[in-house]
C-alpha atoms as a PDB file:
ATOM      1  CA  UNK A   1     135.723  52.792 117.759  1.00  0.00           C
ATOM      2  CA  UNK A   2     136.764  49.129 117.422  1.00  0.00           C
ATOM      3  CA  UNK A   3     136.562  46.625 120.263  1.00  0.00           C
ATOM      4  CA  UNK A   4     140.359  46.590 120.500  1.00  0.00           C
ATOM      5  CA  UNK A   5     140.466  50.408 120.714  1.00  0.00           C
ATOM      6  CA  UNK A   6     137.826  50.378 123.450  1.00  0.00           C
ATOM      7  CA  UNK A   7     139.717  47.769 125.493  1.00  0.00           C
ATOM      8  CA  UNK A   8     143.035  49.540 125.007  1.00  0.00           C
ATOM      9  CA  UNK A   9     141.528  52.852 126.144  1.00  0.00           C
ATOM     10  CA  UNK A  10     140.181  51.206 129.319  1.00  0.00           C
ATOM     11  CA  UNK A  11     143.523  49.490 130.003  1.00  0.00           C
ATOM     12  CA  UNK A  12     145.513  52.707 129.577  1.00  0.00           C
ATOM     13  CA  UNK A  13     143.049  54.619 131.769  1.00  0.00           C
ATOM     14  CA  UNK A  14     143.215  51.889 134.410  1.00  0.00           C
ATOM     15  CA  UNK A  15     147.023  51.904 134.423  1.00  0.00           C
ATOM     16  CA  UNK A  16     147.162  55.703 134.655  1.00  0.00           C
ATOM     17  CA  UNK A  17     144.814  55.670 137.655  1.00  0.00           C
ATOM     18  CA  UNK A  18     147.037  53.360 139.684  1.00  0.00           C
ATOM     19  CA  UNK A  19     149.248  54.886 142.337  1.00  0.00           C
ATOM     20  CA  UNK A  20     153.009  54.418 141.963  1.00  0.00           C
ATOM     21  CA  UNK A  21     153.840  52.629 145.202  1.00  0.00           C
ATOM     22  CA  UNK A  22     157.215  51.022 145.788  1.00  0.00           C
ATOM     23  CA  UNK A  23     157.977  50.912 142.069  1.00  0.00           C
ATOM     24  CA  UNK A  24     155.065  48.545 141.402  1.00  0.00           C
ATOM     25  CA  UNK A  25     153.907  50.363 138.304  1.00  0.00           C
ATOM     26  CA  UNK A  26     153.592  49.353 134.671  1.00  0.00           C
ATOM     27  CA  UNK A  27     155.327  51.826 132.368  1.00  0.00           C
ATOM     28  CA  UNK A  28     153.723  51.696 128.908  1.00  0.00           C
ATOM     29  CA  UNK A  29     156.197  52.705 126.227  1.00  0.00           C
ATOM     30  CA  UNK A  30     153.808  52.403 123.296  1.00  0.00           C
ATOM     31  CA  UNK A  31     150.474  50.855 122.423  1.00  0.00           C
ATOM     32  CA  UNK A  32     148.369  50.318 119.327  1.00  0.00           C
ATOM     33  CA  UNK A  33     145.622  48.205 117.833  1.00  0.00           C
ATOM     34  CA  UNK A  34     145.620  45.993 114.770  1.00  0.00           C
ATOM     35  CA  UNK A  35     142.293  45.685 113.049  1.00  0.00           C
ATOM     36  CA  UNK A  36     139.162  45.446 115.151  1.00  0.00           C
ATOM     37  CA  UNK A  37     140.227  42.815 117.644  1.00  0.00           C
ATOM     38  CA  UNK A  38     143.960  42.933 118.464  1.00  0.00           C
ATOM     39  CA  UNK A  39     145.703  45.213 120.926  1.00  0.00           C
ATOM     40  CA  UNK A  40     149.414  45.539 121.622  1.00  0.00           C
ATOM     41  CA  UNK A  41     151.246  47.017 124.603  1.00  0.00           C
ATOM     42  CA  UNK A  42     154.980  47.467 124.957  1.00  0.00           C
ATOM     43  CA  UNK A  43     155.785  48.005 128.615  1.00  0.00           C
ATOM     44  CA  UNK A  44     158.219  47.711 131.495  1.00  0.00           C
ATOM     45  CA  UNK A  45     157.493  46.387 134.977  1.00  0.00           C
ATOM     46  CA  UNK A  46     160.521  46.869 137.231  1.00  0.00           C
ATOM     47  CA  UNK A  47     158.977  44.772 139.998  1.00  0.00           C
ATOM     48  CA  UNK A  48     158.983  41.615 137.875  1.00  0.00           C
ATOM     49  CA  UNK A  49     161.466  42.036 135.079  1.00  0.00           C
ATOM     50  CA  UNK A  50     163.978  44.737 135.932  1.00  0.00           C
ATOM     51  CA  UNK A  51     165.061  46.655 132.873  1.00  0.00           C
ATOM     52  CA  UNK A  52     163.453  44.377 130.277  1.00  0.00           C
ATOM     53  CA  UNK A  53     160.888  45.506 127.729  1.00  0.00           C
ATOM     54  CA  UNK A  54     157.859  43.225 127.456  1.00  0.00           C
ATOM     55  CA  UNK A  55     155.290  43.149 124.661  1.00  0.00           C
ATOM     56  CA  UNK A  56     151.738  41.873 125.042  1.00  0.00           C
ATOM     57  CA  UNK A  57     149.835  41.121 121.858  1.00  0.00           C
ATOM     58  CA  UNK A  58     146.313  40.013 122.533  1.00  0.00           C
ATOM     59  CA  UNK A  59     143.098  39.236 120.721  1.00  0.00           C
ATOM     60  CA  UNK A  60     139.882  40.656 122.148  1.00  0.00           C
ATOM     61  CA  UNK A  61     137.570  37.684 122.586  1.00  0.00           C
ATOM     62  CA  UNK A  62     134.329  38.278 120.651  1.00  0.00           C
ATOM     63  CA  UNK A  63     132.138  36.686 123.317  1.00  0.00           C
ATOM     64  CA  UNK A  64     133.571  38.740 126.221  1.00  0.00           C
ATOM     65  CA  UNK A  65     132.433  42.188 127.228  1.00  0.00           C
ATOM     66  CA  UNK A  66     134.772  45.130 126.648  1.00  0.00           C
ATOM     67  CA  UNK A  67     135.029  45.663 130.420  1.00  0.00           C
ATOM     68  CA  UNK A  68     135.700  41.964 130.979  1.00  0.00           C
ATOM     69  CA  UNK A  69     138.602  41.898 128.531  1.00  0.00           C
ATOM     70  CA  UNK A  70     140.065  45.124 129.970  1.00  0.00           C
ATOM     71  CA  UNK A  71     139.853  43.677 133.497  1.00  0.00           C
ATOM     72  CA  UNK A  72     141.537  40.464 132.349  1.00  0.00           C
ATOM     73  CA  UNK A  73     144.399  42.445 130.805  1.00  0.00           C
ATOM     74  CA  UNK A  74     144.820  44.666 133.863  1.00  0.00           C
ATOM     75  CA  UNK A  75     144.453  42.058 136.593  1.00  0.00           C
ATOM     76  CA  UNK A  76     145.100  38.677 135.050  1.00  0.00           C
ATOM     77  CA  UNK A  77     147.848  39.607 132.619  1.00  0.00           C
ATOM     78  CA  UNK A  78     149.660  42.798 133.617  1.00  0.00           C
ATOM     79  CA  UNK A  79     149.389  42.327 137.395  1.00  0.00           C
ATOM     80  CA  UNK A  80     150.872  38.840 137.339  1.00  0.00           C
ATOM     81  CA  UNK A  81     154.378  37.705 136.419  1.00  0.00           C
ATOM     82  CA  UNK A  82     154.751  35.551 133.322  1.00  0.00           C
ATOM     83  CA  UNK A  83     156.035  32.607 135.345  1.00  0.00           C
ATOM     84  CA  UNK A  84     157.677  29.796 133.411  1.00  0.00           C
ATOM     85  CA  UNK A  85     156.563  31.360 130.107  1.00  0.00           C
ATOM     86  CA  UNK A  86     159.110  34.129 130.701  1.00  0.00           C
ATOM     87  CA  UNK A  87     162.015  31.708 130.258  1.00  0.00           C
ATOM     88  CA  UNK A  88     160.861  30.872 126.719  1.00  0.00           C
ATOM     89  CA  UNK A  89     160.623  34.450 125.421  1.00  0.00           C
ATOM     90  CA  UNK A  90     163.237  35.798 123.061  1.00  0.00           C
ATOM     91  CA  UNK A  91     163.660  39.489 122.273  1.00  0.00           C
ATOM     92  CA  UNK A  92     162.884  40.801 118.812  1.00  0.00           C
ATOM     93  CA  UNK A  93     165.245  43.140 116.934  1.00  0.00           C
ATOM     94  CA  UNK A  94     164.116  46.026 119.177  1.00  0.00           C
ATOM     95  CA  UNK A  95     164.685  44.056 122.378  1.00  0.00           C
ATOM     96  CA  UNK A  96     160.952  43.551 123.058  1.00  0.00           C
ATOM     97  CA  UNK A  97     160.075  40.168 124.566  1.00  0.00           C
ATOM     98  CA  UNK A  98     156.619  39.341 123.175  1.00  0.00           C
ATOM     99  CA  UNK A  99     154.097  37.038 124.829  1.00  0.00           C
ATOM    100  CA  UNK A 100     150.484  35.833 124.554  1.00  0.00           C
ATOM    101  CA  UNK A 101     150.778  33.785 121.432  1.00  0.00           C
ATOM    102  CA  UNK A 102     154.285  34.910 120.566  1.00  0.00           C
ATOM    103  CA  UNK A 103     153.952  33.866 116.938  1.00  0.00           C
ATOM    104  CA  UNK A 104     156.791  34.999 114.655  1.00  0.00           C
ATOM    105  CA  UNK A 105     154.499  37.252 112.606  1.00  0.00           C
ATOM    106  CA  UNK A 106     153.636  39.126 115.811  1.00  0.00           C
ATOM    107  CA  UNK A 107     157.240  40.201 116.259  1.00  0.00           C
ATOM    108  CA  UNK A 108     157.034  42.823 113.527  1.00  0.00           C
ATOM    109  CA  UNK A 109     159.037  45.945 114.232  1.00  0.00           C
ATOM    110  CA  UNK A 110     156.949  48.677 115.803  1.00  0.00           C
END
């Protein structure tokens, strides 16, 4: 199992274990990995973004532990709003607003 697959499995398990209180839940629509070190999540978070679909594409740092990267995704990335970065995001052809690098080649249709 690649590092990205290990992190993604921990993130999905962590999200599934969270209670749904007051609509503060992340709804994952789809997820996948690219190669050994990239994970992607397409999700909705009604508490922050209403009915928008957000995409996170992220590299798994080689010098971080698998648990450390999963915790960073869960707590530091998915549990926090995007702040001023949100205003710069543009939806792709599927309406997904990608972040964390947001390079054009990362906006491939999934």
